[in-house]
Each structure stands twice: as C-alpha cells, then as structure tokens.
C-alpha cells in the first residue's frame, strides 16, 4: 500500500521508462510500520470478538485503513444450517489507501466450522482503484484440521504515472472455533 505519488518521493535509478519507480526504503518502512500497527489493532479487536470494524493510521498525513467484516450465514444452498454440526461464516478483510487514487485490496470468502475443525472454505479477491491496472494471486493452505491460512497478494500499476507499481499482502487465519487472526498486512 502506498501514498499518492505526488506527495511521496520515489527513487528511480535511471530516468528511463524501462525502470520501475519504487518507494524509498524509509517510505516502505513507514508504510509497513503503519500496516503492522493496523494488524495489531485488528487482532486486539478480533480477540474481543469484535468482528466488524475499521482501524486507520496516518502515513505522510494521509490515511490508510484496514477493515474487517464477518457475519454468520444461516443458509447454504437454500438449506438452513441451524441444526447442522457445522456453521458457516463470511469474512472480509480490506486494506485501503484513502489518499491519492483510493485503491483497495479486499480478501473475502466463507468457511464452515464446528467441533474445532474448519470445513470447506472459499477465498476471493477484489482489487479496486480506477487509475490502476490490477492483478492478484490468492492462495490457501490447511495447517491442520482446525486451521486454514488464506493469503492474497495484489499488484497495482499506476496508469498515468507508469511504471509506478505498488503491492499489498493480506493473510487471514481461519480457526475451527469460528474465529480469525490477521497474520500479515504488508505493502511496498
């Protein structure tokens, strides 16, 4: 995640259009420190069973935010799950740059949980930002029967200021208890 390019200094070893403009080490450090603070705040809220919130930090006097939203789902394919041994929840984790071109990276899906186990789950990604070309990769791995990690990496390439690129990473851990933990929020 990054701040608007006109307020952030970027380094360019060569003024050639073949070189990619990147954030300086200090800018990356400042950004990732803010994202780490957001991750810690989010996990504190999740530990208190607060599953619907937005937290924000300032980077170069511009806001970046992280939002999490979850809700139980009572139906699956039209069938009520109330009496089922597993319940279903939806989750949505979003990192948003509210400065500059307002791009965001959302990782979301649903999962079944019950008796301490994670059942079937889905993962999807949504990248937004009208002034960027966007691409993403999303992966998951089952740690054991009670834990699944879902991760997503997003890449944003500024159309107007090409070849400026930003990347984001989100990792959400899903637990068989129906709870969550944010393992990673990073940007570059």
C-alpha atoms as a PDB file:
ATOM      1  CA  UNK A   1       0.000   0.000   0.000  1.00  0.00           C
ATOM      2  CA  UNK A   2       1.363   3.442  -0.714  1.00  0.00           C
ATOM      3  CA  UNK A   3       0.559   7.087  -0.562  1.00  0.00           C
ATOM      4  CA  UNK A   4      -0.195   9.375  -3.532  1.00  0.00           C
ATOM      5  CA  UNK A   5       2.867   9.625  -5.756  1.00  0.00           C
ATOM      6  CA  UNK A   6       2.929  13.408  -5.856  1.00  0.00           C
ATOM      7  CA  UNK A   7       3.385  13.625  -2.076  1.00  0.00           C
ATOM      8  CA  UNK A   8       5.773  10.683  -1.812  1.00  0.00           C
ATOM      9  CA  UNK A   9       9.327  10.745  -3.020  1.00  0.00           C
ATOM     10  CA  UNK A  10      10.215   7.789  -5.166  1.00  0.00           C
ATOM     11  CA  UNK A  11      13.586   6.591  -6.226  1.00  0.00           C
ATOM     12  CA  UNK A  12      14.462   5.970  -9.821  1.00  0.00           C
ATOM     13  CA  UNK A  13      17.977   4.751 -10.540  1.00  0.00           C
ATOM     14  CA  UNK A  14      17.565   5.580 -14.183  1.00  0.00           C
ATOM     15  CA  UNK A  15      15.128   8.009 -15.745  1.00  0.00           C
ATOM     16  CA  UNK A  16      14.460   5.507 -18.496  1.00  0.00           C
ATOM     17  CA  UNK A  17      10.883   4.311 -18.915  1.00  0.00           C
ATOM     18  CA  UNK A  18      12.246   0.770 -18.571  1.00  0.00           C
ATOM     19  CA  UNK A  19      12.948   1.306 -14.870  1.00  0.00           C
ATOM     20  CA  UNK A  20      10.209   0.816 -12.293  1.00  0.00           C
ATOM     21  CA  UNK A  21       9.712   3.661  -9.819  1.00  0.00           C
ATOM     22  CA  UNK A  22       9.623   2.369  -6.261  1.00  0.00           C
ATOM     23  CA  UNK A  23       9.188   3.714  -2.774  1.00  0.00           C
ATOM     24  CA  UNK A  24      12.359   4.546  -0.876  1.00  0.00           C
ATOM     25  CA  UNK A  25      13.406   2.258   1.979  1.00  0.00           C
ATOM     26  CA  UNK A  26      12.236   4.848   4.522  1.00  0.00           C
ATOM     27  CA  UNK A  27       8.830   5.151   2.817  1.00  0.00           C
ATOM     28  CA  UNK A  28       8.416   1.358   2.762  1.00  0.00           C
ATOM     29  CA  UNK A  29       9.425   1.168   6.428  1.00  0.00           C
ATOM     30  CA  UNK A  30       6.966   3.917   7.394  1.00  0.00           C
ATOM     31  CA  UNK A  31       4.189   2.270   5.419  1.00  0.00           C
ATOM     32  CA  UNK A  32       4.833  -1.205   6.793  1.00  0.00           C
ATOM     33  CA  UNK A  33       5.135   0.108  10.366  1.00  0.00           C
ATOM     34  CA  UNK A  34       1.677   1.664   9.969  1.00  0.00           C
ATOM     35  CA  UNK A  35       0.290  -1.563   8.475  1.00  0.00           C
ATOM     36  CA  UNK A  36       1.804  -3.559  11.354  1.00  0.00           C
ATOM     37  CA  UNK A  37       0.096  -1.191  13.825  1.00  0.00           C
ATOM     38  CA  UNK A  38      -3.187  -1.756  11.975  1.00  0.00           C
ATOM     39  CA  UNK A  39      -2.664  -5.532  12.135  1.00  0.00           C
ATOM     40  CA  UNK A  40      -2.089  -5.377  15.910  1.00  0.00           C
ATOM     41  CA  UNK A  41      -5.160  -3.184  16.452  1.00  0.00           C
ATOM     42  CA  UNK A  42      -7.244  -5.544  14.316  1.00  0.00           C
ATOM     43  CA  UNK A  43      -6.119  -8.612  16.253  1.00  0.00           C
ATOM     44  CA  UNK A  44      -6.909  -6.884  19.557  1.00  0.00           C
ATOM     45  CA  UNK A  45     -10.455  -6.273  18.315  1.00  0.00           C
ATOM     46  CA  UNK A  46     -10.780  -9.838  16.989  1.00  0.00           C
ATOM     47  CA  UNK A  47      -9.577 -11.208  20.360  1.00  0.00           C
ATOM     48  CA  UNK A  48     -12.513  -9.347  21.972  1.00  0.00           C
ATOM     49  CA  UNK A  49     -14.931 -10.908  19.432  1.00  0.00           C
ATOM     50  CA  UNK A  50     -15.353  -7.589  17.619  1.00  0.00           C
ATOM     51  CA  UNK A  51     -15.619  -8.759  14.016  1.00  0.00           C
ATOM     52  CA  UNK A  52     -16.915  -5.595  12.338  1.00  0.00           C
ATOM     53  CA  UNK A  53     -14.537  -2.637  12.469  1.00  0.00           C
ATOM     54  CA  UNK A  54     -12.234  -0.235  10.666  1.00  0.00           C
ATOM     55  CA  UNK A  55      -8.890   0.960  12.045  1.00  0.00           C
ATOM     56  CA  UNK A  56      -6.695   3.601  10.416  1.00  0.00           C
ATOM     57  CA  UNK A  57      -3.226   5.144  10.590  1.00  0.00           C
ATOM     58  CA  UNK A  58      -1.622   8.207   9.018  1.00  0.00           C
ATOM     59  CA  UNK A  59       1.271   7.925   6.565  1.00  0.00           C
ATOM     60  CA  UNK A  60       2.574  11.266   5.271  1.00  0.00           C
ATOM     61  CA  UNK A  61      -0.583  12.878   6.708  1.00  0.00           C
ATOM     62  CA  UNK A  62      -2.752  10.553   4.575  1.00  0.00           C
ATOM     63  CA  UNK A  63      -4.963   7.773   5.926  1.00  0.00           C
ATOM     64  CA  UNK A  64      -4.576   4.105   5.249  1.00  0.00           C
ATOM     65  CA  UNK A  65      -7.125   1.799   6.803  1.00  0.00           C
ATOM     66  CA  UNK A  66      -7.908  -1.824   7.461  1.00  0.00           C
ATOM     67  CA  UNK A  67     -11.490  -3.061   7.707  1.00  0.00           C
ATOM     68  CA  UNK A  68     -12.755  -6.434   8.806  1.00  0.00           C
ATOM     69  CA  UNK A  69     -16.305  -7.667   8.490  1.00  0.00           C
ATOM     70  CA  UNK A  70     -17.800 -11.025   9.366  1.00  0.00           C
ATOM     71  CA  UNK A  71     -21.241 -12.476   9.845  1.00  0.00           C
ATOM     72  CA  UNK A  72     -22.752 -15.880  10.441  1.00  0.00           C
ATOM     73  CA  UNK A  73     -24.520 -17.342   7.445  1.00  0.00           C
ATOM     74  CA  UNK A  74     -27.680 -19.266   8.250  1.00  0.00           C
ATOM     75  CA  UNK A  75     -28.210 -20.776   4.833  1.00  0.00           C
ATOM     76  CA  UNK A  76     -26.152 -22.796   2.415  1.00  0.00           C
ATOM     77  CA  UNK A  77     -27.689 -23.610  -0.937  1.00  0.00           C
ATOM     78  CA  UNK A  78     -31.092 -22.706   0.467  1.00  0.00           C
ATOM     79  CA  UNK A  79     -30.790 -25.079   3.444  1.00  0.00           C
ATOM     80  CA  UNK A  80     -30.883 -23.745   6.984  1.00  0.00           C
ATOM     81  CA  UNK A  81     -27.743 -24.754   8.890  1.00  0.00           C
ATOM     82  CA  UNK A  82     -29.017 -24.092  12.418  1.00  0.00           C
ATOM     83  CA  UNK A  83     -29.213 -27.792  13.282  1.00  0.00           C
ATOM     84  CA  UNK A  84     -26.103 -28.780  11.345  1.00  0.00           C
ATOM     85  CA  UNK A  85     -22.886 -29.810  13.074  1.00  0.00           C
ATOM     86  CA  UNK A  86     -21.018 -27.097  11.198  1.00  0.00           C
ATOM     87  CA  UNK A  87     -21.876 -23.434  10.935  1.00  0.00           C
ATOM     88  CA  UNK A  88     -20.898 -21.041   8.183  1.00  0.00           C
ATOM     89  CA  UNK A  89     -19.439 -17.542   8.432  1.00  0.00           C
ATOM     90  CA  UNK A  90     -18.394 -14.994   5.881  1.00  0.00           C
ATOM     91  CA  UNK A  91     -15.250 -12.887   6.265  1.00  0.00           C
ATOM     92  CA  UNK A  92     -13.904  -9.798   4.542  1.00  0.00           C
ATOM     93  CA  UNK A  93     -10.512  -8.143   5.152  1.00  0.00           C
ATOM     94  CA  UNK A  94      -9.756  -4.900   3.286  1.00  0.00           C
ATOM     95  CA  UNK A  95      -6.670  -2.686   3.163  1.00  0.00           C
ATOM     96  CA  UNK A  96      -7.477   0.703   1.698  1.00  0.00           C
ATOM     97  CA  UNK A  97      -5.328   3.642   0.665  1.00  0.00           C
ATOM     98  CA  UNK A  98      -7.639   6.598   1.194  1.00  0.00           C
ATOM     99  CA  UNK A  99      -5.097   9.067  -0.179  1.00  0.00           C
ATOM    100  CA  UNK A 100      -4.269   9.675  -3.802  1.00  0.00           C
ATOM    101  CA  UNK A 101      -6.118   7.378  -6.175  1.00  0.00           C
ATOM    102  CA  UNK A 102      -8.022   5.438  -3.492  1.00  0.00           C
ATOM    103  CA  UNK A 103      -7.102   1.875  -4.273  1.00  0.00           C
ATOM    104  CA  UNK A 104      -8.057  -1.057  -2.084  1.00  0.00           C
ATOM    105  CA  UNK A 105      -7.347  -4.762  -1.710  1.00  0.00           C
ATOM    106  CA  UNK A 106     -10.125  -6.980  -0.330  1.00  0.00           C
ATOM    107  CA  UNK A 107      -9.759 -10.665   0.593  1.00  0.00           C
ATOM    108  CA  UNK A 108     -13.090 -12.338   1.362  1.00  0.00           C
ATOM    109  CA  UNK A 109     -14.952 -15.624   1.439  1.00  0.00           C
ATOM    110  CA  UNK A 110     -16.878 -18.057   3.611  1.00  0.00           C
ATOM    111  CA  UNK A 111     -15.962 -21.058   5.726  1.00  0.00           C
ATOM    112  CA  UNK A 112     -17.628 -23.888   7.590  1.00  0.00           C
ATOM    113  CA  UNK A 113     -16.540 -24.518  11.168  1.00  0.00           C
ATOM    114  CA  UNK A 114     -17.609 -26.686  14.068  1.00  0.00           C
ATOM    115  CA  UNK A 115     -16.281 -29.165  16.614  1.00  0.00           C
ATOM    116  CA  UNK A 116     -12.951 -27.330  16.399  1.00  0.00           C
ATOM    117  CA  UNK A 117     -12.486 -28.016  12.688  1.00  0.00           C
ATOM    118  CA  UNK A 118     -12.527 -25.871   9.566  1.00  0.00           C
ATOM    119  CA  UNK A 119     -14.578 -27.483   6.823  1.00  0.00           C
ATOM    120  CA  UNK A 120     -14.951 -26.220   3.277  1.00  0.00           C
ATOM    121  CA  UNK A 121     -13.970 -22.624   2.637  1.00  0.00           C
ATOM    122  CA  UNK A 122     -13.867 -20.129  -0.189  1.00  0.00           C
ATOM    123  CA  UNK A 123     -11.478 -17.308  -0.996  1.00  0.00           C
ATOM    124  CA  UNK A 124     -11.939 -14.389  -3.370  1.00  0.00           C
ATOM    125  CA  UNK A 125     -10.163 -11.135  -4.040  1.00  0.00           C
ATOM    126  CA  UNK A 126     -11.368  -7.739  -5.155  1.00  0.00           C
ATOM    127  CA  UNK A 127      -8.920  -5.003  -6.156  1.00  0.00           C
ATOM    128  CA  UNK A 128     -10.256  -1.541  -6.828  1.00  0.00           C
ATOM    129  CA  UNK A 129      -8.799   1.733  -7.991  1.00  0.00           C
ATOM    130  CA  UNK A 130      -9.831   3.433 -11.220  1.00  0.00           C
ATOM    131  CA  UNK A 131      -6.352   4.744 -12.056  1.00  0.00           C
ATOM    132  CA  UNK A 132      -4.549   1.402 -11.755  1.00  0.00           C
ATOM    133  CA  UNK A 133      -4.217  -1.783 -13.692  1.00  0.00           C
ATOM    134  CA  UNK A 134      -4.626  -4.562 -11.147  1.00  0.00           C
ATOM    135  CA  UNK A 135      -3.647  -8.187 -10.695  1.00  0.00           C
ATOM    136  CA  UNK A 136      -3.787 -10.562  -7.768  1.00  0.00           C
ATOM    137  CA  UNK A 137      -2.847 -14.020  -6.634  1.00  0.00           C
ATOM    138  CA  UNK A 138      -4.731 -15.770  -3.855  1.00  0.00           C
ATOM    139  CA  UNK A 139      -3.665 -18.952  -2.089  1.00  0.00           C
ATOM    140  CA  UNK A 140      -4.658 -21.028   0.895  1.00  0.00           C
ATOM    141  CA  UNK A 141      -3.139 -23.792   2.939  1.00  0.00           C
ATOM    142  CA  UNK A 142      -4.616 -26.052   5.561  1.00  0.00           C
ATOM    143  CA  UNK A 143      -2.282 -26.051   8.567  1.00  0.00           C
ATOM    144  CA  UNK A 144      -4.258 -28.867  10.208  1.00  0.00           C
ATOM    145  CA  UNK A 145      -7.929 -29.791  10.542  1.00  0.00           C
ATOM    146  CA  UNK A 146      -8.577 -26.758  12.772  1.00  0.00           C
ATOM    147  CA  UNK A 147      -6.651 -24.011  10.936  1.00  0.00           C
ATOM    148  CA  UNK A 148      -6.603 -22.628   7.378  1.00  0.00           C
ATOM    149  CA  UNK A 149      -4.499 -19.695   6.189  1.00  0.00           C
ATOM    150  CA  UNK A 150      -5.819 -17.655   3.282  1.00  0.00           C
ATOM    151  CA  UNK A 151      -3.422 -15.215   1.621  1.00  0.00           C
ATOM    152  CA  UNK A 152      -3.661 -12.707  -1.174  1.00  0.00           C
ATOM    153  CA  UNK A 153      -1.113 -10.530  -2.956  1.00  0.00           C
ATOM    154  CA  UNK A 154      -2.271  -7.574  -5.021  1.00  0.00           C
ATOM    155  CA  UNK A 155      -0.345  -5.542  -7.559  1.00  0.00           C
ATOM    156  CA  UNK A 156      -1.395  -2.059  -8.635  1.00  0.00           C
ATOM    157  CA  UNK A 157       0.272  -0.343 -11.575  1.00  0.00           C
ATOM    158  CA  UNK A 158      -0.488   3.358 -11.944  1.00  0.00           C
ATOM    159  CA  UNK A 159      -1.784   4.038 -15.447  1.00  0.00           C
ATOM    160  CA  UNK A 160      -0.969   7.739 -15.505  1.00  0.00           C
ATOM    161  CA  UNK A 161       2.386   7.505 -13.713  1.00  0.00           C
ATOM    162  CA  UNK A 162       3.613   4.256 -15.262  1.00  0.00           C
ATOM    163  CA  UNK A 163       5.807   2.461 -14.403  1.00  0.00           C
ATOM    164  CA  UNK A 164       4.918   3.142 -10.726  1.00  0.00           C
ATOM    165  CA  UNK A 165       3.812  -0.072  -9.018  1.00  0.00           C
ATOM    166  CA  UNK A 166       2.542  -0.887  -5.533  1.00  0.00           C
ATOM    167  CA  UNK A 167       1.951  -4.275  -3.958  1.00  0.00           C
ATOM    168  CA  UNK A 168      -0.135  -5.373  -0.988  1.00  0.00           C
ATOM    169  CA  UNK A 169      -0.320  -8.607   1.016  1.00  0.00           C
ATOM    170  CA  UNK A 170      -3.012  -9.884   3.369  1.00  0.00           C
ATOM    171  CA  UNK A 171      -3.020 -13.178   5.292  1.00  0.00           C
ATOM    172  CA  UNK A 172      -6.073 -14.209   7.334  1.00  0.00           C
ATOM    173  CA  UNK A 173      -6.094 -17.316   9.508  1.00  0.00           C
ATOM    174  CA  UNK A 174      -9.459 -19.105   9.893  1.00  0.00           C
ATOM    175  CA  UNK A 175      -9.991 -21.256  13.002  1.00  0.00           C
ATOM    176  CA  UNK A 176     -12.311 -24.169  13.690  1.00  0.00           C
ATOM    177  CA  UNK A 177     -13.769 -22.159  16.570  1.00  0.00           C
ATOM    178  CA  UNK A 178     -15.188 -19.668  14.050  1.00  0.00           C
ATOM    179  CA  UNK A 179     -12.615 -17.021  14.958  1.00  0.00           C
ATOM    180  CA  UNK A 180      -9.922 -15.207  12.974  1.00  0.00           C
ATOM    181  CA  UNK A 181      -6.453 -13.733  13.221  1.00  0.00           C
ATOM    182  CA  UNK A 182      -4.731 -11.352  10.820  1.00  0.00           C
ATOM    183  CA  UNK A 183      -1.218 -12.705  10.253  1.00  0.00           C
ATOM    184  CA  UNK A 184       0.075 -10.206   7.728  1.00  0.00           C
ATOM    185  CA  UNK A 185      -0.604  -6.755   6.296  1.00  0.00           C
ATOM    186  CA  UNK A 186       2.245  -5.522   4.116  1.00  0.00           C
ATOM    187  CA  UNK A 187       2.808  -3.071   1.297  1.00  0.00           C
ATOM    188  CA  UNK A 188       5.618  -1.966  -0.966  1.00  0.00           C
END
